[in-house]
Amino acid sequence: MGRLLEKLKVKCRACGKKHIPSRISGKYLNGDDKGKRVHLWECKFCKSLWIDSADKDSTLVTDNT
């Protein structure tokens, strides 16, 4: 179980803390991307949002620091 928890931990793109972020799944409701799924991660410490934690160059959506 300990190894699984370590694999789920990611580094926050804004504050740099390593933890298991909250994961948010949704889809676009309008525009050219209508129906396209999007997965966001939220830092439990600074509340910043980013897209695709598997990608080291992922997009930072908000920076609440």
PDB file of N, CA and C in Angstrom:
ATOM      1  N   MET A   1       0.829  -1.203   0.000  1.00  0.00           N
ATOM      2  CA  MET A   1       0.000   0.000   0.000  1.00  0.00           C
ATOM      3  C   MET A   1       0.867   1.259   0.000  1.00  0.00           C
ATOM      4  N   GLY A   2       2.001   1.210   0.686  1.00  0.00           N
ATOM      5  CA  GLY A   2       2.890   2.372   0.761  1.00  0.00           C
ATOM      6  C   GLY A   2       3.443   2.767  -0.592  1.00  0.00           C
ATOM      7  N   ARG A   3       3.768   1.762  -1.429  1.00  0.00           N
ATOM      8  CA  ARG A   3       4.286   2.058  -2.769  1.00  0.00           C
ATOM      9  C   ARG A   3       3.231   2.718  -3.641  1.00  0.00           C
ATOM     10  N   LEU A   4       1.987   2.254  -3.513  1.00  0.00           N
ATOM     11  CA  LEU A   4       0.900   2.838  -4.298  1.00  0.00           C
ATOM     12  C   LEU A   4       0.705   4.300  -3.933  1.00  0.00           C
ATOM     13  N   LEU A   5       0.711   4.614  -2.654  1.00  0.00           N
ATOM     14  CA  LEU A   5       0.547   6.001  -2.216  1.00  0.00           C
ATOM     15  C   LEU A   5       1.678   6.878  -2.729  1.00  0.00           C
ATOM     16  N   GLU A   6       2.895   6.342  -2.745  1.00  0.00           N
ATOM     17  CA  GLU A   6       4.032   7.112  -3.267  1.00  0.00           C
ATOM     18  C   GLU A   6       3.877   7.378  -4.760  1.00  0.00           C
ATOM     19  N   LYS A   7       3.342   6.417  -5.515  1.00  0.00           N
ATOM     20  CA  LYS A   7       3.142   6.598  -6.956  1.00  0.00           C
ATOM     21  C   LYS A   7       2.077   7.651  -7.256  1.00  0.00           C
ATOM     22  N   LEU A   8       1.102   7.802  -6.358  1.00  0.00           N
ATOM     23  CA  LEU A   8       0.034   8.773  -6.563  1.00  0.00           C
ATOM     24  C   LEU A   8       0.464  10.205  -6.238  1.00  0.00           C
ATOM     25  N   LYS A   9       1.552  10.359  -5.510  1.00  0.00           N
ATOM     26  CA  LYS A   9       2.018  11.698  -5.137  1.00  0.00           C
ATOM     27  C   LYS A   9       2.651  12.399  -6.330  1.00  0.00           C
ATOM     28  N   VAL A  10       2.326  13.671  -6.475  1.00  0.00           N
ATOM     29  CA  VAL A  10       2.913  14.510  -7.523  1.00  0.00           C
ATOM     30  C   VAL A  10       3.359  15.822  -6.908  1.00  0.00           C
ATOM     31  N   LYS A  11       4.233  16.515  -7.602  1.00  0.00           N
ATOM     32  CA  LYS A  11       4.736  17.808  -7.134  1.00  0.00           C
ATOM     33  C   LYS A  11       3.827  18.907  -7.668  1.00  0.00           C
ATOM     34  N   CYS A  12       3.350  19.779  -6.788  1.00  0.00           N
ATOM     35  CA  CYS A  12       2.502  20.902  -7.199  1.00  0.00           C
ATOM     36  C   CYS A  12       3.292  21.818  -8.130  1.00  0.00           C
ATOM     37  N   ARG A  13       2.666  22.255  -9.214  1.00  0.00           N
ATOM     38  CA  ARG A  13       3.322  23.108 -10.198  1.00  0.00           C
ATOM     39  C   ARG A  13       3.526  24.533  -9.685  1.00  0.00           C
ATOM     40  N   ALA A  14       2.781  24.912  -8.626  1.00  0.00           N
ATOM     41  CA  ALA A  14       2.881  26.274  -8.106  1.00  0.00           C
ATOM     42  C   ALA A  14       3.754  26.352  -6.851  1.00  0.00           C
ATOM     43  N   CYS A  15       3.429  25.538  -5.826  1.00  0.00           N
ATOM     44  CA  CYS A  15       4.149  25.664  -4.547  1.00  0.00           C
ATOM     45  C   CYS A  15       5.264  24.634  -4.381  1.00  0.00           C
ATOM     46  N   GLY A  16       5.280  23.593  -5.216  1.00  0.00           N
ATOM     47  CA  GLY A  16       6.361  22.613  -5.184  1.00  0.00           C
ATOM     48  C   GLY A  16       6.225  21.514  -4.145  1.00  0.00           C
ATOM     49  N   LYS A  17       5.143  21.488  -3.363  1.00  0.00           N
ATOM     50  CA  LYS A  17       4.968  20.444  -2.352  1.00  0.00           C
ATOM     51  C   LYS A  17       4.530  19.140  -3.018  1.00  0.00           C
ATOM     52  N   LYS A  18       5.083  18.020  -2.541  1.00  0.00           N
ATOM     53  CA  LYS A  18       4.741  16.715  -3.096  1.00  0.00           C
ATOM     54  C   LYS A  18       3.642  16.088  -2.237  1.00  0.00           C
ATOM     55  N   HIS A  19       2.514  15.746  -2.869  1.00  0.00           N
ATOM     56  CA  HIS A  19       1.372  15.189  -2.155  1.00  0.00           C
ATOM     57  C   HIS A  19       0.420  14.533  -3.155  1.00  0.00           C
ATOM     58  N   ILE A  20      -0.665  13.959  -2.658  1.00  0.00           N
ATOM     59  CA  ILE A  20      -1.699  13.403  -3.518  1.00  0.00           C
ATOM     60  C   ILE A  20      -2.753  14.494  -3.698  1.00  0.00           C
ATOM     61  N   PRO A  21      -2.810  15.127  -4.871  1.00  0.00           N
ATOM     62  CA  PRO A  21      -3.749  16.231  -5.078  1.00  0.00           C
ATOM     63  C   PRO A  21      -5.180  15.745  -5.272  1.00  0.00           C
ATOM     64  N   SER A  22      -6.126  16.646  -5.118  1.00  0.00           N
ATOM     65  CA  SER A  22      -7.517  16.343  -5.445  1.00  0.00           C
ATOM     66  C   SER A  22      -7.626  16.289  -6.955  1.00  0.00           C
ATOM     67  N   ARG A  23      -8.351  15.288  -7.454  1.00  0.00           N
ATOM     68  CA  ARG A  23      -8.501  15.124  -8.899  1.00  0.00           C
ATOM     69  C   ARG A  23      -9.925  15.473  -9.288  1.00  0.00           C
ATOM     70  N   ILE A  24     -10.043  16.289 -10.325  1.00  0.00           N
ATOM     71  CA  ILE A  24     -11.338  16.772 -10.801  1.00  0.00           C
ATOM     72  C   ILE A  24     -11.495  16.349 -12.251  1.00  0.00           C
ATOM     73  N   SER A  25     -12.630  15.734 -12.586  1.00  0.00           N
ATOM     74  CA  SER A  25     -12.895  15.312 -13.955  1.00  0.00           C
ATOM     75  C   SER A  25     -14.165  15.999 -14.434  1.00  0.00           C
ATOM     76  N   GLY A  26     -14.126  16.513 -15.655  1.00  0.00           N
ATOM     77  CA  GLY A  26     -15.301  17.183 -16.204  1.00  0.00           C
ATOM     78  C   GLY A  26     -15.244  17.207 -17.711  1.00  0.00           C
ATOM     79  N   LYS A  27     -16.189  17.928 -18.325  1.00  0.00           N
ATOM     80  CA  LYS A  27     -16.143  18.077 -19.771  1.00  0.00           C
ATOM     81  C   LYS A  27     -16.636  19.449 -20.182  1.00  0.00           C
ATOM     82  N   TYR A  28     -16.147  19.879 -21.339  1.00  0.00           N
ATOM     83  CA  TYR A  28     -16.534  21.174 -21.878  1.00  0.00           C
ATOM     84  C   TYR A  28     -17.991  21.124 -22.311  1.00  0.00           C
ATOM     85  N   LEU A  29     -18.720  22.208 -22.088  1.00  0.00           N
ATOM     86  CA  LEU A  29     -20.135  22.250 -22.428  1.00  0.00           C
ATOM     87  C   LEU A  29     -20.445  23.061 -23.669  1.00  0.00           C
ATOM     88  N   ASN A  30     -19.471  23.829 -24.180  1.00  0.00           N
ATOM     89  CA  ASN A  30     -19.725  24.640 -25.371  1.00  0.00           C
ATOM     90  C   ASN A  30     -18.446  24.842 -26.173  1.00  0.00           C
ATOM     91  N   GLY A  31     -18.576  25.468 -27.326  1.00  0.00           N
ATOM     92  CA  GLY A  31     -17.412  25.769 -28.154  1.00  0.00           C
ATOM     93  C   GLY A  31     -16.950  24.578 -28.972  1.00  0.00           C
ATOM     94  N   ASP A  32     -15.781  24.710 -29.565  1.00  0.00           N
ATOM     95  CA  ASP A  32     -15.226  23.658 -30.421  1.00  0.00           C
ATOM     96  C   ASP A  32     -14.890  22.388 -29.645  1.00  0.00           C
ATOM     97  N   ASP A  33     -14.641  22.525 -28.343  1.00  0.00           N
ATOM     98  CA  ASP A  33     -14.276  21.371 -27.519  1.00  0.00           C
ATOM     99  C   ASP A  33     -15.472  20.719 -26.834  1.00  0.00           C
ATOM    100  N   LYS A  34     -16.692  21.049 -27.255  1.00  0.00           N
ATOM    101  CA  LYS A  34     -17.898  20.539 -26.608  1.00  0.00           C
ATOM    102  C   LYS A  34     -17.832  19.010 -26.507  1.00  0.00           C
ATOM    103  N   GLY A  35     -18.048  18.517 -25.311  1.00  0.00           N
ATOM    104  CA  GLY A  35     -18.032  17.091 -25.046  1.00  0.00           C
ATOM    105  C   GLY A  35     -16.659  16.526 -24.726  1.00  0.00           C
ATOM    106  N   LYS A  36     -15.587  17.294 -24.951  1.00  0.00           N
ATOM    107  CA  LYS A  36     -14.231  16.835 -24.671  1.00  0.00           C
ATOM    108  C   LYS A  36     -14.006  16.763 -23.167  1.00  0.00           C
ATOM    109  N   ARG A  37     -13.406  15.673 -22.692  1.00  0.00           N
ATOM    110  CA  ARG A  37     -13.129  15.498 -21.266  1.00  0.00           C
ATOM    111  C   ARG A  37     -11.881  16.261 -20.858  1.00  0.00           C
ATOM    112  N   VAL A  38     -11.882  16.739 -19.642  1.00  0.00           N
ATOM    113  CA  VAL A  38     -10.723  17.438 -19.095  1.00  0.00           C
ATOM    114  C   VAL A  38     -10.492  16.931 -17.671  1.00  0.00           C
ATOM    115  N   HIS A  39      -9.238  16.750 -17.316  1.00  0.00           N
ATOM    116  CA  HIS A  39      -8.874  16.276 -15.981  1.00  0.00           C
ATOM    117  C   HIS A  39      -7.986  17.325 -15.330  1.00  0.00           C
ATOM    118  N   LEU A  40      -8.398  17.804 -14.180  1.00  0.00           N
ATOM    119  CA  LEU A  40      -7.661  18.825 -13.435  1.00  0.00           C
ATOM    120  C   LEU A  40      -7.200  18.250 -12.106  1.00  0.00           C
ATOM    121  N   TRP A  41      -6.106  18.785 -11.599  1.00  0.00           N
ATOM    122  CA  TRP A  41      -5.609  18.430 -10.286  1.00  0.00           C
ATOM    123  C   TRP A  41      -5.554  19.705  -9.454  1.00  0.00           C
ATOM    124  N   GLU A  42      -5.938  19.611  -8.176  1.00  0.00           N
ATOM    125  CA  GLU A  42      -5.935  20.767  -7.281  1.00  0.00           C
ATOM    126  C   GLU A  42      -5.005  20.498  -6.101  1.00  0.00           C
ATOM    127  N   CYS A  43      -4.109  21.422  -5.860  1.00  0.00           N
ATOM    128  CA  CYS A  43      -3.179  21.313  -4.735  1.00  0.00           C
ATOM    129  C   CYS A  43      -3.951  21.472  -3.422  1.00  0.00           C
ATOM    130  N   LYS A  44      -3.707  20.568  -2.496  1.00  0.00           N
ATOM    131  CA  LYS A  44      -4.377  20.639  -1.198  1.00  0.00           C
ATOM    132  C   LYS A  44      -3.806  21.724  -0.306  1.00  0.00           C
ATOM    133  N   PHE A  45      -2.628  22.241  -0.674  1.00  0.00           N
ATOM    134  CA  PHE A  45      -1.981  23.263   0.147  1.00  0.00           C
ATOM    135  C   PHE A  45      -2.269  24.676  -0.367  1.00  0.00           C
ATOM    136  N   CYS A  46      -1.982  24.940  -1.649  1.00  0.00           N
ATOM    137  CA  CYS A  46      -2.133  26.305  -2.173  1.00  0.00           C
ATOM    138  C   CYS A  46      -3.367  26.481  -3.054  1.00  0.00           C
ATOM    139  N   LYS A  47      -4.105  25.400  -3.317  1.00  0.00           N
ATOM    140  CA  LYS A  47      -5.357  25.414  -4.093  1.00  0.00           C
ATOM    141  C   LYS A  47      -5.166  25.761  -5.570  1.00  0.00           C
ATOM    142  N   SER A  48      -3.936  25.703  -6.079  1.00  0.00           N
ATOM    143  CA  SER A  48      -3.696  25.925  -7.507  1.00  0.00           C
ATOM    144  C   SER A  48      -4.239  24.742  -8.305  1.00  0.00           C
ATOM    145  N   LEU A  49      -4.626  24.990  -9.547  1.00  0.00           N
ATOM    146  CA  LEU A  49      -5.129  23.950 -10.445  1.00  0.00           C
ATOM    147  C   LEU A  49      -4.171  23.759 -11.602  1.00  0.00           C
ATOM    148  N   TRP A  50      -4.004  22.521 -12.069  1.00  0.00           N
ATOM    149  CA  TRP A  50      -3.211  22.269 -13.263  1.00  0.00           C
ATOM    150  C   TRP A  50      -3.789  21.076 -14.013  1.00  0.00           C
ATOM    151  N   ILE A  51      -3.387  20.942 -15.283  1.00  0.00           N
ATOM    152  CA  ILE A  51      -3.872  19.897 -16.175  1.00  0.00           C
ATOM    153  C   ILE A  51      -2.778  18.843 -16.348  1.00  0.00           C
ATOM    154  N   ASP A  52      -3.163  17.563 -16.291  1.00  0.00           N
ATOM    155  CA  ASP A  52      -2.299  16.428 -16.620  1.00  0.00           C
ATOM    156  C   ASP A  52      -1.037  16.345 -15.783  1.00  0.00           C
ATOM    157  N   SER A  53      -1.161  15.781 -14.606  1.00  0.00           N
ATOM    158  CA  SER A  53      -0.014  15.682 -13.705  1.00  0.00           C
ATOM    159  C   SER A  53       1.067  14.731 -14.206  1.00  0.00           C
ATOM    160  N   ALA A  54       0.763  13.872 -15.176  1.00  0.00           N
ATOM    161  CA  ALA A  54       1.765  12.940 -15.709  1.00  0.00           C
ATOM    162  C   ALA A  54       2.782  13.664 -16.586  1.00  0.00           C
ATOM    163  N   ASP A  55       2.416  14.824 -17.091  1.00  0.00           N
ATOM    164  CA  ASP A  55       3.277  15.592 -17.981  1.00  0.00           C
ATOM    165  C   ASP A  55       4.078  16.596 -17.160  1.00  0.00           C
ATOM    166  N   LYS A  56       5.381  16.492 -17.181  1.00  0.00           N
ATOM    167  CA  LYS A  56       6.219  17.394 -16.368  1.00  0.00           C
ATOM    168  C   LYS A  56       6.082  18.846 -16.807  1.00  0.00           C
ATOM    169  N   ASP A  57       5.698  19.084 -18.061  1.00  0.00           N
ATOM    170  CA  ASP A  57       5.495  20.448 -18.557  1.00  0.00           C
ATOM    171  C   ASP A  57       4.015  20.787 -18.601  1.00  0.00           C
ATOM    172  N   SER A  58       3.247  20.261 -17.635  1.00  0.00           N
ATOM    173  CA  SER A  58       1.805  20.461 -17.664  1.00  0.00           C
ATOM    174  C   SER A  58       1.428  21.922 -17.502  1.00  0.00           C
ATOM    175  N   THR A  59       0.211  22.226 -17.866  1.00  0.00           N
ATOM    176  CA  THR A  59      -0.284  23.595 -17.864  1.00  0.00           C
ATOM    177  C   THR A  59      -0.798  23.986 -16.492  1.00  0.00           C
ATOM    178  N   LEU A  60      -0.254  25.054 -15.933  1.00  0.00           N
ATOM    179  CA  LEU A  60      -0.745  25.604 -14.678  1.00  0.00           C
ATOM    180  C   LEU A  60      -1.950  26.462 -14.993  1.00  0.00           C
ATOM    181  N   VAL A  61      -3.090  26.123 -14.404  1.00  0.00           N
ATOM    182  CA  VAL A  61      -4.336  26.836 -14.702  1.00  0.00           C
ATOM    183  C   VAL A  61      -4.485  28.056 -13.795  1.00  0.00           C
ATOM    184  N   THR A  62      -4.233  27.882 -12.504  1.00  0.00           N
ATOM    185  CA  THR A  62      -4.301  28.998 -11.551  1.00  0.00           C
ATOM    186  C   THR A  62      -3.112  28.942 -10.631  1.00  0.00           C
ATOM    187  N   ASP A  63      -2.753  30.073 -10.112  1.00  0.00           N
ATOM    188  CA  ASP A  63      -1.668  30.150  -9.131  1.00  0.00           C
ATOM    189  C   ASP A  63      -2.159  31.006  -7.981  1.00  0.00           C
ATOM    190  N   ASN A  64      -2.575  30.358  -6.915  1.00  0.00           N
ATOM    191  CA  ASN A  64      -3.157  31.064  -5.761  1.00  0.00           C
ATOM    192  C   ASN A  64      -2.134  31.385  -4.682  1.00  0.00           C
ATOM    193  N   THR A  65      -0.833  31.288  -5.028  1.00  0.00           N
ATOM    194  CA  THR A  65       0.176  31.539  -4.003  1.00  0.00           C
ATOM    195  C   THR A  65       0.406  33.015  -3.809  1.00  0.00           C
TER     196      THR A  65
END
